N, C-alpha and C. Protein backbone atom coordinates (compact mmCIF):
# COMPACT_ATOMS: atom_id res chain seq x y z
N MET A 1 10.83 -42.27 -3.32
CA MET A 1 11.66 -43.29 -4.22
C MET A 1 12.99 -43.49 -3.60
N CYS A 2 13.32 -44.67 -3.30
CA CYS A 2 14.58 -45.03 -2.83
C CYS A 2 15.71 -45.00 -3.96
N ILE A 3 16.81 -44.75 -3.49
CA ILE A 3 17.95 -44.59 -4.39
C ILE A 3 18.27 -45.75 -5.17
N ASN A 4 18.13 -47.13 -4.61
CA ASN A 4 18.49 -48.26 -5.36
C ASN A 4 17.31 -48.76 -6.26
N GLU A 5 16.13 -48.18 -6.13
CA GLU A 5 15.11 -48.70 -7.00
C GLU A 5 15.23 -48.10 -8.34
N PRO A 6 14.77 -48.84 -9.45
CA PRO A 6 14.81 -48.19 -10.88
C PRO A 6 13.76 -47.13 -10.93
N TRP A 7 14.04 -46.16 -11.78
CA TRP A 7 13.01 -44.94 -11.92
C TRP A 7 12.17 -45.27 -13.02
N THR A 8 10.83 -45.66 -12.80
CA THR A 8 9.75 -45.94 -13.61
C THR A 8 8.46 -45.31 -13.03
N PRO A 9 7.63 -44.69 -13.88
CA PRO A 9 6.48 -44.20 -13.26
C PRO A 9 5.61 -45.12 -12.73
N LEU A 10 5.71 -46.56 -13.03
CA LEU A 10 4.85 -47.41 -12.52
C LEU A 10 5.38 -48.13 -11.27
N ASN A 11 6.59 -47.67 -10.97
CA ASN A 11 7.24 -48.33 -9.91
C ASN A 11 7.39 -47.24 -8.71
N LEU A 12 6.31 -46.89 -8.24
CA LEU A 12 6.38 -45.79 -7.16
C LEU A 12 6.12 -46.39 -5.79
N MET A 13 7.01 -46.19 -4.99
CA MET A 13 7.00 -46.81 -3.63
C MET A 13 6.31 -45.83 -2.60
N PRO A 14 5.66 -46.36 -1.55
CA PRO A 14 5.03 -45.48 -0.60
C PRO A 14 5.81 -44.37 -0.06
N VAL A 15 5.26 -43.28 0.27
CA VAL A 15 6.01 -42.06 0.78
C VAL A 15 6.71 -42.43 2.02
N HIS A 16 6.04 -43.22 2.92
CA HIS A 16 6.64 -43.37 4.35
C HIS A 16 7.91 -44.21 4.21
N GLN A 17 8.30 -44.77 3.08
CA GLN A 17 9.46 -45.53 2.88
C GLN A 17 10.65 -44.72 2.48
N CYS A 18 10.25 -43.42 2.08
CA CYS A 18 11.36 -42.49 1.69
C CYS A 18 11.43 -41.34 2.66
N SER A 19 11.66 -41.62 3.84
CA SER A 19 11.59 -40.53 4.89
C SER A 19 12.84 -39.67 4.87
N PHE A 20 13.82 -40.13 4.04
CA PHE A 20 15.17 -39.37 4.11
C PHE A 20 14.83 -38.03 3.22
N LEU A 21 13.87 -37.91 2.55
CA LEU A 21 13.52 -36.78 1.75
C LEU A 21 12.77 -35.76 2.72
N ALA A 22 13.19 -34.54 2.89
CA ALA A 22 12.34 -33.67 3.69
C ALA A 22 11.06 -33.39 3.26
N PRO A 23 10.83 -33.03 1.99
CA PRO A 23 9.46 -32.90 1.50
C PRO A 23 8.99 -34.15 0.91
N ARG A 24 7.61 -34.46 1.12
CA ARG A 24 6.97 -35.73 0.62
C ARG A 24 6.50 -35.46 -0.68
N LEU A 25 6.77 -36.43 -1.55
CA LEU A 25 6.34 -36.38 -2.99
C LEU A 25 5.25 -37.36 -3.28
N VAL A 26 4.19 -37.07 -3.78
CA VAL A 26 3.06 -37.95 -4.02
C VAL A 26 2.74 -37.81 -5.57
N PHE A 27 3.15 -38.78 -6.33
CA PHE A 27 2.98 -38.63 -7.81
C PHE A 27 1.67 -39.36 -8.28
N GLN A 28 1.22 -38.66 -9.29
CA GLN A 28 -0.11 -39.24 -9.88
C GLN A 28 0.17 -39.48 -11.27
N ASN A 29 -0.20 -40.70 -11.89
CA ASN A 29 -0.02 -41.06 -13.24
C ASN A 29 -1.14 -40.41 -14.07
N SER A 30 -0.83 -40.10 -15.23
CA SER A 30 -1.82 -39.57 -16.21
C SER A 30 -2.55 -40.67 -16.81
N LYS A 31 -3.51 -40.46 -17.78
CA LYS A 31 -4.23 -41.50 -18.48
C LYS A 31 -3.28 -42.35 -19.21
N ASN A 32 -2.19 -41.94 -19.72
CA ASN A 32 -1.08 -42.86 -20.28
C ASN A 32 -0.15 -43.23 -19.22
N SER A 33 -0.29 -44.59 -19.11
CA SER A 33 0.60 -45.09 -17.91
C SER A 33 2.05 -45.01 -18.14
N GLN A 34 2.58 -44.70 -19.24
CA GLN A 34 3.97 -44.68 -19.49
C GLN A 34 4.47 -43.18 -19.54
N SER A 35 3.65 -42.26 -18.96
CA SER A 35 4.17 -40.91 -18.89
C SER A 35 3.82 -40.46 -17.49
N LEU A 36 4.69 -39.43 -17.02
CA LEU A 36 4.47 -38.93 -15.68
C LEU A 36 4.27 -37.46 -15.85
N GLU A 37 3.09 -36.87 -15.63
CA GLU A 37 2.82 -35.59 -15.92
C GLU A 37 2.31 -34.79 -14.84
N ARG A 38 2.30 -35.31 -13.60
CA ARG A 38 1.81 -34.46 -12.50
C ARG A 38 2.36 -35.05 -11.18
N GLY A 39 2.58 -34.25 -10.27
CA GLY A 39 3.12 -34.68 -8.93
C GLY A 39 2.71 -33.83 -7.80
N THR A 40 2.78 -34.07 -6.64
CA THR A 40 2.45 -33.07 -5.52
C THR A 40 3.53 -33.31 -4.50
N MET A 41 3.94 -32.24 -3.84
CA MET A 41 4.83 -32.33 -2.75
C MET A 41 4.22 -31.93 -1.59
N GLU A 42 4.19 -32.62 -0.46
CA GLU A 42 3.68 -32.41 0.76
C GLU A 42 4.76 -31.95 1.70
N ASN A 43 4.69 -30.86 2.36
CA ASN A 43 5.63 -30.41 3.26
C ASN A 43 5.62 -31.06 4.57
N ALA A 44 6.80 -31.67 5.08
CA ALA A 44 6.69 -32.51 6.20
C ALA A 44 6.59 -31.74 7.42
N THR A 45 6.54 -30.50 7.50
CA THR A 45 6.50 -29.79 8.74
C THR A 45 4.92 -29.30 8.82
N ASN A 46 4.32 -28.87 7.86
CA ASN A 46 2.94 -28.39 8.08
C ASN A 46 1.90 -29.20 7.20
N GLY A 47 2.44 -30.17 6.53
CA GLY A 47 1.44 -31.05 5.79
C GLY A 47 0.81 -30.36 4.48
N GLN A 48 1.49 -29.24 4.04
CA GLN A 48 0.96 -28.52 2.95
C GLN A 48 1.43 -29.24 1.58
N VAL A 49 0.48 -29.39 0.72
CA VAL A 49 0.75 -30.13 -0.44
C VAL A 49 0.92 -29.09 -1.60
N THR A 50 1.91 -29.30 -2.36
CA THR A 50 2.31 -28.47 -3.48
C THR A 50 2.23 -29.27 -4.87
N THR A 51 1.37 -28.89 -5.73
CA THR A 51 1.23 -29.60 -7.03
C THR A 51 2.34 -29.19 -7.97
N VAL A 52 2.96 -30.09 -8.69
CA VAL A 52 3.86 -29.93 -9.74
C VAL A 52 3.34 -30.45 -11.08
N SER A 53 3.19 -29.54 -12.02
CA SER A 53 2.64 -29.98 -13.22
C SER A 53 3.75 -30.05 -14.24
N LEU A 54 3.84 -31.19 -14.94
CA LEU A 54 4.93 -31.40 -15.95
C LEU A 54 4.20 -31.34 -17.35
N VAL A 55 5.13 -31.12 -18.40
CA VAL A 55 4.55 -31.03 -19.67
C VAL A 55 3.96 -32.21 -20.19
N GLU A 56 2.78 -32.10 -20.81
CA GLU A 56 2.02 -33.32 -21.25
C GLU A 56 2.90 -34.11 -22.30
N SER A 57 2.76 -35.37 -22.23
CA SER A 57 3.47 -36.19 -23.36
C SER A 57 2.55 -36.14 -24.50
N ASN A 58 3.31 -36.52 -25.74
CA ASN A 58 2.65 -36.46 -27.01
C ASN A 58 3.20 -37.76 -27.75
N ALA A 59 2.42 -38.68 -28.04
CA ALA A 59 2.92 -39.92 -28.71
C ALA A 59 2.95 -39.73 -30.27
N ASN A 60 2.42 -38.53 -30.79
CA ASN A 60 2.37 -38.46 -32.12
C ASN A 60 2.77 -36.92 -32.41
N PRO A 61 3.92 -36.49 -32.09
CA PRO A 61 4.29 -35.09 -32.18
C PRO A 61 4.45 -34.74 -33.81
N SER A 62 4.03 -33.77 -34.29
CA SER A 62 4.11 -33.31 -35.80
C SER A 62 3.80 -34.37 -36.66
N GLY A 63 2.98 -35.29 -36.17
CA GLY A 63 2.60 -36.38 -37.12
C GLY A 63 3.34 -37.67 -37.24
N VAL A 64 4.53 -37.58 -36.31
CA VAL A 64 5.47 -38.67 -36.39
C VAL A 64 5.14 -39.69 -35.02
N GLN A 65 4.85 -40.95 -35.34
CA GLN A 65 4.69 -41.88 -34.26
C GLN A 65 5.94 -42.10 -33.55
N ILE A 66 5.80 -42.00 -32.17
CA ILE A 66 6.89 -42.41 -31.31
C ILE A 66 6.63 -43.78 -30.80
N VAL A 67 7.66 -44.55 -30.80
CA VAL A 67 7.56 -46.06 -30.24
C VAL A 67 7.41 -45.95 -28.86
N SER A 68 8.02 -45.19 -28.02
CA SER A 68 7.94 -45.23 -26.43
C SER A 68 7.94 -43.76 -25.98
N THR A 69 7.01 -43.28 -25.53
CA THR A 69 6.79 -42.03 -25.05
C THR A 69 7.60 -41.80 -23.65
N TYR A 70 7.65 -43.02 -22.97
CA TYR A 70 8.34 -42.93 -21.70
C TYR A 70 9.83 -42.49 -21.85
N HIS A 71 10.48 -43.09 -22.85
CA HIS A 71 11.79 -42.76 -22.96
C HIS A 71 12.06 -41.41 -23.41
N THR A 72 11.15 -40.78 -24.10
CA THR A 72 11.33 -39.42 -24.57
C THR A 72 10.84 -38.45 -23.58
N ASN A 73 9.94 -38.75 -22.63
CA ASN A 73 9.37 -37.69 -21.69
C ASN A 73 9.76 -37.96 -20.25
N ARG A 74 10.44 -39.10 -19.95
CA ARG A 74 10.66 -39.45 -18.57
C ARG A 74 11.71 -38.36 -18.06
N ILE A 75 11.52 -38.27 -16.67
CA ILE A 75 12.64 -37.55 -15.87
C ILE A 75 13.78 -38.47 -15.49
N GLY A 76 14.90 -38.15 -16.03
CA GLY A 76 16.17 -38.99 -15.72
C GLY A 76 16.37 -39.13 -14.18
N ASP A 77 16.46 -37.96 -13.59
CA ASP A 77 16.78 -37.86 -12.03
C ASP A 77 15.55 -37.53 -11.25
N PRO A 78 15.22 -38.59 -10.39
CA PRO A 78 14.02 -38.20 -9.56
C PRO A 78 14.15 -37.10 -8.68
N SER A 79 15.34 -36.55 -8.41
CA SER A 79 15.53 -35.43 -7.52
C SER A 79 15.07 -34.15 -8.24
N ASN A 80 15.07 -34.20 -9.53
CA ASN A 80 14.56 -33.01 -10.36
C ASN A 80 12.97 -32.75 -9.94
N LEU A 81 12.24 -33.73 -9.67
CA LEU A 81 10.89 -33.51 -9.31
C LEU A 81 10.78 -32.87 -7.97
N VAL A 82 11.78 -33.31 -7.00
CA VAL A 82 11.71 -32.66 -5.75
C VAL A 82 12.27 -31.18 -5.99
N GLU A 83 13.09 -30.86 -6.70
CA GLU A 83 13.54 -29.46 -7.01
C GLU A 83 12.43 -28.73 -7.61
N LEU A 84 11.70 -29.30 -8.62
CA LEU A 84 10.58 -28.63 -9.15
C LEU A 84 9.50 -28.32 -8.08
N ALA A 85 9.10 -29.35 -7.18
CA ALA A 85 8.17 -29.04 -6.23
C ALA A 85 8.61 -28.02 -5.23
N GLN A 86 9.91 -27.92 -4.92
CA GLN A 86 10.38 -27.02 -3.95
C GLN A 86 10.39 -25.59 -4.75
N GLN A 87 10.67 -25.46 -5.85
CA GLN A 87 10.62 -24.22 -6.63
C GLN A 87 9.32 -23.59 -6.62
N VAL A 88 8.14 -24.59 -6.94
CA VAL A 88 6.82 -24.08 -6.97
C VAL A 88 6.43 -23.68 -5.54
N GLN A 89 6.87 -24.43 -4.50
CA GLN A 89 6.55 -23.95 -3.20
C GLN A 89 7.20 -22.66 -2.77
N LYS A 90 8.43 -22.46 -3.16
CA LYS A 90 9.18 -21.20 -2.92
C LYS A 90 8.40 -20.08 -3.59
N ALA A 91 7.99 -20.29 -4.80
CA ALA A 91 7.30 -19.25 -5.63
C ALA A 91 6.17 -18.88 -4.95
N ASP A 92 5.29 -19.87 -4.38
CA ASP A 92 4.06 -19.60 -3.69
C ASP A 92 4.33 -18.74 -2.41
N ASP A 93 5.46 -19.22 -1.66
CA ASP A 93 5.91 -18.34 -0.54
C ASP A 93 6.09 -16.91 -0.86
N PHE A 94 6.89 -16.68 -1.91
CA PHE A 94 7.19 -15.27 -2.29
C PHE A 94 6.06 -14.55 -2.68
N ILE A 95 5.13 -15.11 -3.55
CA ILE A 95 3.88 -14.42 -3.80
C ILE A 95 3.11 -14.06 -2.71
N ARG A 96 3.00 -14.96 -1.72
CA ARG A 96 2.22 -14.66 -0.43
C ARG A 96 2.87 -13.49 0.31
N ALA A 97 4.31 -13.55 0.30
CA ALA A 97 4.89 -12.56 1.24
C ALA A 97 4.79 -11.30 0.36
N ASN A 98 4.86 -11.12 -0.98
CA ASN A 98 4.77 -9.81 -1.55
C ASN A 98 3.32 -9.33 -1.51
N ALA A 99 2.36 -10.24 -1.60
CA ALA A 99 0.95 -9.83 -1.45
C ALA A 99 0.72 -9.15 0.03
N CYS A 100 1.39 -9.74 1.01
CA CYS A 100 1.19 -9.25 2.32
C CYS A 100 1.90 -7.90 2.55
N ASN A 101 3.13 -7.73 1.91
CA ASN A 101 3.89 -6.57 2.00
C ASN A 101 3.04 -5.35 1.35
N ARG A 102 2.44 -5.71 0.17
CA ARG A 102 1.68 -4.57 -0.59
C ARG A 102 0.41 -4.41 0.24
N LEU A 103 -0.22 -5.34 0.83
CA LEU A 103 -1.46 -5.12 1.68
C LEU A 103 -1.15 -4.32 2.90
N THR A 104 0.02 -4.53 3.52
CA THR A 104 0.57 -3.67 4.50
C THR A 104 0.75 -2.13 4.12
N VAL A 105 1.26 -2.02 2.98
CA VAL A 105 1.41 -0.57 2.63
C VAL A 105 0.06 0.11 2.32
N ILE A 106 -0.90 -0.64 1.83
CA ILE A 106 -2.19 -0.19 1.60
C ILE A 106 -2.91 0.22 2.94
N ALA A 107 -2.75 -0.70 3.86
CA ALA A 107 -3.30 -0.57 5.13
C ALA A 107 -2.76 0.66 5.88
N GLU A 108 -1.57 0.87 5.68
CA GLU A 108 -0.78 2.08 6.31
C GLU A 108 -1.37 3.32 5.59
N GLN A 109 -1.61 3.27 4.35
CA GLN A 109 -2.11 4.43 3.60
C GLN A 109 -3.53 4.65 3.90
N ILE A 110 -4.32 3.69 4.30
CA ILE A 110 -5.64 3.93 4.72
C ILE A 110 -5.65 4.56 6.07
N ARG A 111 -4.84 4.09 6.98
CA ARG A 111 -4.69 4.75 8.22
C ARG A 111 -4.43 6.30 8.16
N MET A 112 -3.38 6.56 7.21
CA MET A 112 -2.98 8.03 7.03
C MET A 112 -4.13 8.78 6.48
N LEU A 113 -4.91 8.22 5.50
CA LEU A 113 -6.10 8.88 4.96
C LEU A 113 -7.18 9.02 6.01
N GLN A 114 -7.40 8.09 6.91
CA GLN A 114 -8.35 8.20 8.06
C GLN A 114 -8.04 9.29 8.95
N GLU A 115 -6.73 9.43 9.13
CA GLU A 115 -6.14 10.52 10.03
C GLU A 115 -6.32 11.95 9.51
N GLN A 116 -6.12 11.94 8.05
CA GLN A 116 -6.21 13.18 7.47
C GLN A 116 -7.64 13.58 7.29
N ALA A 117 -8.62 12.57 7.06
CA ALA A 117 -10.04 12.88 7.02
C ALA A 117 -10.57 13.43 8.42
N LYS A 118 -10.06 12.79 9.39
CA LYS A 118 -10.49 13.17 10.83
C LYS A 118 -10.05 14.60 11.08
N ARG A 119 -8.73 14.87 10.65
CA ARG A 119 -8.30 16.38 10.74
C ARG A 119 -9.11 17.44 10.00
N VAL A 120 -9.39 16.96 8.73
CA VAL A 120 -10.27 17.85 7.95
C VAL A 120 -11.53 18.13 8.53
N LEU A 121 -12.30 17.14 9.13
CA LEU A 121 -13.46 17.21 9.72
C LEU A 121 -13.29 18.18 10.85
N GLU A 122 -12.23 17.99 11.80
CA GLU A 122 -12.09 18.79 12.94
C GLU A 122 -11.83 20.25 12.54
N GLU A 123 -11.03 20.43 11.52
CA GLU A 123 -10.82 21.83 11.06
C GLU A 123 -12.04 22.69 10.41
N ALA A 124 -12.86 21.65 9.75
CA ALA A 124 -14.09 22.36 9.22
C ALA A 124 -14.94 22.67 10.29
N LYS A 125 -15.12 21.89 11.29
CA LYS A 125 -16.17 22.21 12.52
C LYS A 125 -15.62 23.53 13.20
N ARG A 126 -14.26 23.58 13.35
CA ARG A 126 -13.71 24.66 13.97
C ARG A 126 -13.91 26.02 13.17
N ASP A 127 -13.70 25.94 11.81
CA ASP A 127 -13.92 27.09 11.08
C ASP A 127 -15.39 27.60 10.89
N ALA A 128 -16.24 26.60 10.91
CA ALA A 128 -17.71 26.83 11.10
C ALA A 128 -18.03 27.45 12.28
N ASP A 129 -17.54 27.15 13.37
CA ASP A 129 -17.87 27.79 14.75
C ASP A 129 -17.29 29.08 14.83
N LEU A 130 -16.07 29.32 14.16
CA LEU A 130 -15.47 30.56 14.16
C LEU A 130 -16.29 31.64 13.46
N HIS A 131 -16.88 31.18 12.20
CA HIS A 131 -17.54 32.06 11.45
C HIS A 131 -18.86 32.42 12.06
N HIS A 132 -19.39 31.59 13.00
CA HIS A 132 -20.61 32.06 13.63
C HIS A 132 -20.46 32.82 14.94
N ALA A 133 -19.11 33.07 15.30
CA ALA A 133 -19.02 33.89 16.46
C ALA A 133 -19.45 35.37 16.09
N ALA A 134 -19.72 36.06 17.20
CA ALA A 134 -20.22 37.32 16.95
C ALA A 134 -19.08 38.38 16.52
N CYS A 135 -19.50 39.32 15.49
CA CYS A 135 -18.61 40.24 15.05
C CYS A 135 -19.36 41.41 14.53
N ASN A 136 -18.93 42.57 14.71
CA ASN A 136 -19.61 43.94 14.41
C ASN A 136 -18.89 44.38 13.10
N VAL A 137 -17.85 43.72 12.57
CA VAL A 137 -17.15 44.23 11.40
C VAL A 137 -17.23 43.16 10.40
N VAL A 138 -17.11 43.62 9.16
CA VAL A 138 -17.03 42.52 8.00
C VAL A 138 -15.65 42.09 7.96
N LYS A 139 -15.64 40.77 8.06
CA LYS A 139 -14.29 40.14 8.01
C LYS A 139 -13.71 39.97 6.65
N LYS A 140 -12.38 40.34 6.52
CA LYS A 140 -11.76 40.30 5.27
C LYS A 140 -10.66 39.42 5.19
N PRO A 141 -10.54 38.57 4.19
CA PRO A 141 -9.43 37.61 4.06
C PRO A 141 -8.00 38.28 4.06
N GLY A 142 -7.11 37.63 4.81
CA GLY A 142 -5.73 38.25 4.98
C GLY A 142 -5.64 38.89 6.24
N ASN A 143 -6.63 39.26 7.01
CA ASN A 143 -6.56 39.88 8.19
C ASN A 143 -6.47 38.99 9.51
N ILE A 144 -5.98 39.52 10.59
CA ILE A 144 -5.83 38.76 11.83
C ILE A 144 -7.06 39.21 12.65
N TYR A 145 -7.71 38.22 13.29
CA TYR A 145 -8.78 38.76 14.26
C TYR A 145 -8.70 37.94 15.58
N TYR A 146 -9.17 38.78 16.62
CA TYR A 146 -8.82 38.13 17.94
C TYR A 146 -10.15 37.82 18.67
N LEU A 147 -10.10 36.59 19.22
CA LEU A 147 -11.45 35.97 19.73
C LEU A 147 -11.36 36.24 21.24
N TYR A 148 -12.47 36.91 21.77
CA TYR A 148 -12.68 37.07 23.16
C TYR A 148 -13.87 36.38 23.69
N LYS A 149 -13.98 36.35 24.97
CA LYS A 149 -15.24 35.72 25.58
C LYS A 149 -15.77 36.60 26.82
N ARG A 150 -16.94 36.90 26.72
CA ARG A 150 -17.66 37.82 27.65
C ARG A 150 -18.08 36.90 28.86
N GLU A 151 -18.51 37.53 29.94
CA GLU A 151 -18.84 36.85 31.22
C GLU A 151 -20.04 36.13 31.01
N SER A 152 -20.84 36.54 30.01
CA SER A 152 -22.03 35.82 29.66
C SER A 152 -21.80 34.54 28.80
N GLY A 153 -20.71 34.37 28.41
CA GLY A 153 -20.28 33.18 27.65
C GLY A 153 -20.22 33.34 26.06
N GLN A 154 -20.69 34.55 25.80
CA GLN A 154 -20.65 34.90 24.29
C GLN A 154 -19.07 35.07 23.78
N ARG A 155 -18.93 34.54 22.60
CA ARG A 155 -17.56 34.80 22.11
C ARG A 155 -17.73 35.68 20.95
N TYR A 156 -16.78 36.53 20.68
CA TYR A 156 -16.97 37.55 19.60
C TYR A 156 -15.27 37.83 19.09
N PHE A 157 -15.37 38.25 17.85
CA PHE A 157 -14.14 38.80 17.16
C PHE A 157 -13.85 40.09 17.36
N SER A 158 -12.67 40.51 17.54
CA SER A 158 -12.32 41.92 17.53
C SER A 158 -11.02 42.18 16.75
N ILE A 159 -10.84 43.37 16.10
CA ILE A 159 -9.62 43.65 15.39
C ILE A 159 -8.58 44.09 16.34
N LEU A 160 -8.76 44.31 17.62
CA LEU A 160 -7.90 44.78 18.63
C LEU A 160 -7.24 43.62 19.38
N SER A 161 -5.86 43.58 19.39
CA SER A 161 -5.18 42.49 19.97
C SER A 161 -5.08 42.74 21.58
N PRO A 162 -4.90 41.73 22.48
CA PRO A 162 -4.66 42.04 23.81
C PRO A 162 -3.58 42.95 24.12
N LYS A 163 -2.62 43.08 23.29
CA LYS A 163 -1.45 43.94 23.45
C LYS A 163 -1.92 45.52 23.20
N GLU A 164 -2.77 45.56 22.35
CA GLU A 164 -3.34 46.88 22.06
C GLU A 164 -4.29 47.33 23.17
N TRP A 165 -4.98 46.44 23.63
CA TRP A 165 -5.89 46.60 24.86
C TRP A 165 -5.10 46.99 26.13
N GLY A 166 -4.00 46.31 26.31
CA GLY A 166 -3.23 46.59 27.51
C GLY A 166 -3.83 45.94 28.72
N SER A 167 -3.72 46.63 29.84
CA SER A 167 -4.32 46.21 31.09
C SER A 167 -5.74 46.49 31.08
N SER A 168 -6.28 47.28 30.17
CA SER A 168 -7.72 47.61 30.08
C SER A 168 -8.64 46.64 29.45
N CYS A 169 -8.02 45.40 28.97
CA CYS A 169 -8.73 44.36 28.17
C CYS A 169 -9.96 44.02 29.04
N PRO A 170 -11.10 44.21 28.41
CA PRO A 170 -12.40 43.89 29.29
C PRO A 170 -12.82 42.57 29.33
N HIS A 171 -12.41 41.66 28.46
CA HIS A 171 -12.88 40.34 28.41
C HIS A 171 -11.65 39.28 28.20
N GLU A 172 -12.07 38.03 28.41
CA GLU A 172 -11.05 37.07 28.44
C GLU A 172 -10.60 36.71 26.88
N PHE A 173 -9.37 36.86 26.75
CA PHE A 173 -8.82 36.47 25.35
C PHE A 173 -8.71 35.07 25.22
N LEU A 174 -9.15 34.45 24.10
CA LEU A 174 -9.21 33.15 23.76
C LEU A 174 -8.10 32.69 22.79
N ALA A 175 -8.15 33.28 21.69
CA ALA A 175 -7.14 32.98 20.59
C ALA A 175 -7.17 34.03 19.36
N ALA A 176 -6.13 33.84 18.59
CA ALA A 176 -6.08 34.75 17.43
C ALA A 176 -6.08 33.92 16.12
N TYR A 177 -6.76 34.42 15.12
CA TYR A 177 -6.85 33.65 13.82
C TYR A 177 -6.63 34.54 12.76
N LYS A 178 -6.11 33.96 11.71
CA LYS A 178 -5.98 34.66 10.34
C LYS A 178 -7.06 34.22 9.41
N LEU A 179 -7.85 34.92 8.85
CA LEU A 179 -8.81 34.53 7.79
C LEU A 179 -8.05 34.36 6.38
N GLN A 180 -8.10 33.10 5.89
CA GLN A 180 -7.50 32.85 4.56
C GLN A 180 -8.45 33.35 3.51
N HIS A 181 -8.01 33.37 2.26
CA HIS A 181 -8.81 33.66 1.04
C HIS A 181 -9.83 32.42 0.74
N ASP A 182 -9.58 31.29 1.22
CA ASP A 182 -10.67 30.37 1.08
C ASP A 182 -11.59 30.17 2.21
N MET A 183 -11.58 31.29 3.01
CA MET A 183 -12.60 31.46 4.18
C MET A 183 -12.37 30.38 5.32
N SER A 184 -11.10 29.89 5.23
CA SER A 184 -10.67 29.01 6.38
C SER A 184 -9.75 29.86 7.38
N TRP A 185 -9.72 29.34 8.64
CA TRP A 185 -9.05 29.97 9.65
C TRP A 185 -7.78 29.38 10.02
N THR A 186 -6.63 30.12 10.23
CA THR A 186 -5.49 29.59 10.65
C THR A 186 -5.15 30.04 11.91
N PRO A 187 -4.76 29.19 12.86
CA PRO A 187 -4.46 29.72 14.21
C PRO A 187 -3.07 30.69 14.14
N TYR A 188 -3.03 31.48 15.14
CA TYR A 188 -1.87 32.44 14.91
C TYR A 188 -0.50 31.84 15.02
N GLU A 189 -0.37 30.78 15.82
CA GLU A 189 0.92 30.06 15.78
C GLU A 189 1.24 29.35 14.67
N ASN A 190 0.32 29.19 13.73
CA ASN A 190 0.60 28.50 12.43
C ASN A 190 0.47 29.48 11.25
N ILE A 191 0.41 30.63 11.55
CA ILE A 191 0.31 31.54 10.42
C ILE A 191 1.72 31.52 9.56
N GLU A 192 2.63 31.66 10.19
CA GLU A 192 3.96 31.61 9.32
C GLU A 192 4.27 30.34 8.47
N LYS A 193 3.88 29.17 9.03
CA LYS A 193 3.96 28.00 8.36
C LYS A 193 3.03 28.02 7.12
N ARG A 194 1.78 28.43 7.49
CA ARG A 194 0.75 28.38 6.37
C ARG A 194 1.12 29.36 5.28
N ASP A 195 1.68 30.48 5.53
CA ASP A 195 2.10 31.52 4.59
C ASP A 195 3.16 30.99 3.64
N ALA A 196 4.10 30.25 4.25
CA ALA A 196 5.15 29.61 3.44
C ALA A 196 4.68 28.64 2.53
N GLU A 197 3.82 27.79 2.97
CA GLU A 197 3.15 26.87 2.07
C GLU A 197 2.45 27.59 0.89
N ILE A 198 1.67 28.56 1.17
CA ILE A 198 1.01 29.23 0.24
C ILE A 198 1.89 29.92 -0.87
N ASN A 199 3.05 30.45 -0.34
CA ASN A 199 4.06 31.13 -1.16
C ASN A 199 4.71 30.14 -2.07
N ILE A 200 4.79 28.76 -1.63
CA ILE A 200 5.45 27.87 -2.47
C ILE A 200 4.35 27.56 -3.57
N ILE A 201 3.22 27.38 -3.26
CA ILE A 201 2.15 27.06 -4.29
C ILE A 201 2.02 28.16 -5.28
N ASP A 202 2.10 29.38 -4.81
CA ASP A 202 1.97 30.58 -5.85
C ASP A 202 3.20 30.59 -6.63
N LYS A 203 4.41 30.26 -6.23
CA LYS A 203 5.61 30.18 -6.96
C LYS A 203 5.49 29.13 -7.94
N LEU A 204 4.94 27.88 -7.61
CA LEU A 204 4.68 26.80 -8.61
C LEU A 204 3.83 27.32 -9.67
N LEU A 205 2.64 27.96 -9.24
CA LEU A 205 1.79 28.37 -10.32
C LEU A 205 2.42 29.20 -11.32
N LYS A 206 3.17 30.02 -10.74
CA LYS A 206 3.79 31.16 -11.66
C LYS A 206 4.81 30.49 -12.64
N GLU A 207 5.52 29.63 -12.12
CA GLU A 207 6.49 28.83 -12.92
C GLU A 207 6.00 28.11 -13.95
N GLN A 208 4.69 27.44 -13.76
CA GLN A 208 3.87 26.69 -14.76
C GLN A 208 3.42 27.54 -15.84
N ILE A 209 2.89 28.77 -15.42
CA ILE A 209 2.26 29.62 -16.47
C ILE A 209 3.40 30.29 -17.28
N ALA A 210 4.67 30.42 -16.76
CA ALA A 210 5.63 31.13 -17.53
C ALA A 210 6.28 30.27 -18.49
N LEU A 211 6.34 28.98 -18.16
CA LEU A 211 7.03 27.87 -19.02
C LEU A 211 6.08 27.54 -20.32
N PRO A 212 6.72 27.08 -21.25
CA PRO A 212 5.85 26.55 -22.43
C PRO A 212 5.15 25.21 -22.01
N SER A 213 4.20 24.83 -22.86
CA SER A 213 3.43 23.55 -22.48
C SER A 213 4.31 22.43 -22.51
N CYS A 214 4.01 21.61 -21.51
CA CYS A 214 4.90 20.30 -21.54
C CYS A 214 4.09 19.26 -20.88
N VAL A 215 4.45 18.05 -21.02
CA VAL A 215 3.56 16.86 -20.60
C VAL A 215 3.76 16.46 -19.11
N GLU A 216 4.84 17.11 -18.57
CA GLU A 216 5.11 16.82 -17.12
C GLU A 216 5.09 18.03 -16.27
N PRO A 217 4.84 17.99 -15.01
CA PRO A 217 4.89 19.28 -14.11
C PRO A 217 6.38 19.57 -13.96
N ASN A 218 6.58 20.92 -13.86
CA ASN A 218 7.83 21.47 -13.63
C ASN A 218 8.11 22.01 -12.26
N PHE A 219 8.90 21.48 -11.41
CA PHE A 219 9.28 21.91 -10.12
C PHE A 219 10.57 22.67 -9.87
N ARG A 220 10.98 23.25 -11.06
CA ARG A 220 12.39 23.92 -11.10
C ARG A 220 12.27 25.19 -10.27
N GLY A 221 13.08 25.50 -9.43
CA GLY A 221 13.25 26.81 -8.74
C GLY A 221 12.41 26.67 -7.31
N LEU A 222 11.88 25.56 -7.00
CA LEU A 222 10.98 25.66 -5.84
C LEU A 222 11.89 25.71 -4.59
N THR A 223 13.11 25.09 -4.67
CA THR A 223 13.89 25.01 -3.46
C THR A 223 14.86 26.04 -3.52
N ASN A 224 14.82 27.01 -4.36
CA ASN A 224 15.85 28.05 -4.34
C ASN A 224 15.42 29.14 -3.46
């Protein structure tokens, strides 16, 4: 729409004659030729068309007949339609960006869950292999056992550490593990960290049992 042209819904000039507008506006008349209820904005850079929906006109609101719906429903400033189309396009861009951000967070969580699942499977396989290692004593949770390897390739658990064996250690020492109460194995270098985690959980359980019933969990005193 050129500036010098009168603004009427029936006097719409071709889009290419209004090149001074960055977005292109293509308006469509409704069934009532005296009302403008719909328009589309086409982005000049990527050709994307944005639809702008205006409020439908009513020639008989509340039972009162209107002489001219055009004068009561027309847009006085044609730039308002440009702003409306730009606002709709901006909203679409924000919605798309927010969806992408949320999907990115979900994808990152999926990767973390995949890594955790992989670690769980690896630890389960290790624990199963350790439980099938040869041992002549009944293994009790809370004790540390030392894994050795014979010349024949057989692996076995012993309650004697390499330090207790001294220079007379008969076989190759592989590793030391602590048997937990859930029958899982903790490598010797991770025992201190694992025990600290278990102490925190035990403290949390004791705090919850000692406190009266409440709808939310209580973490008071965990950092003391």
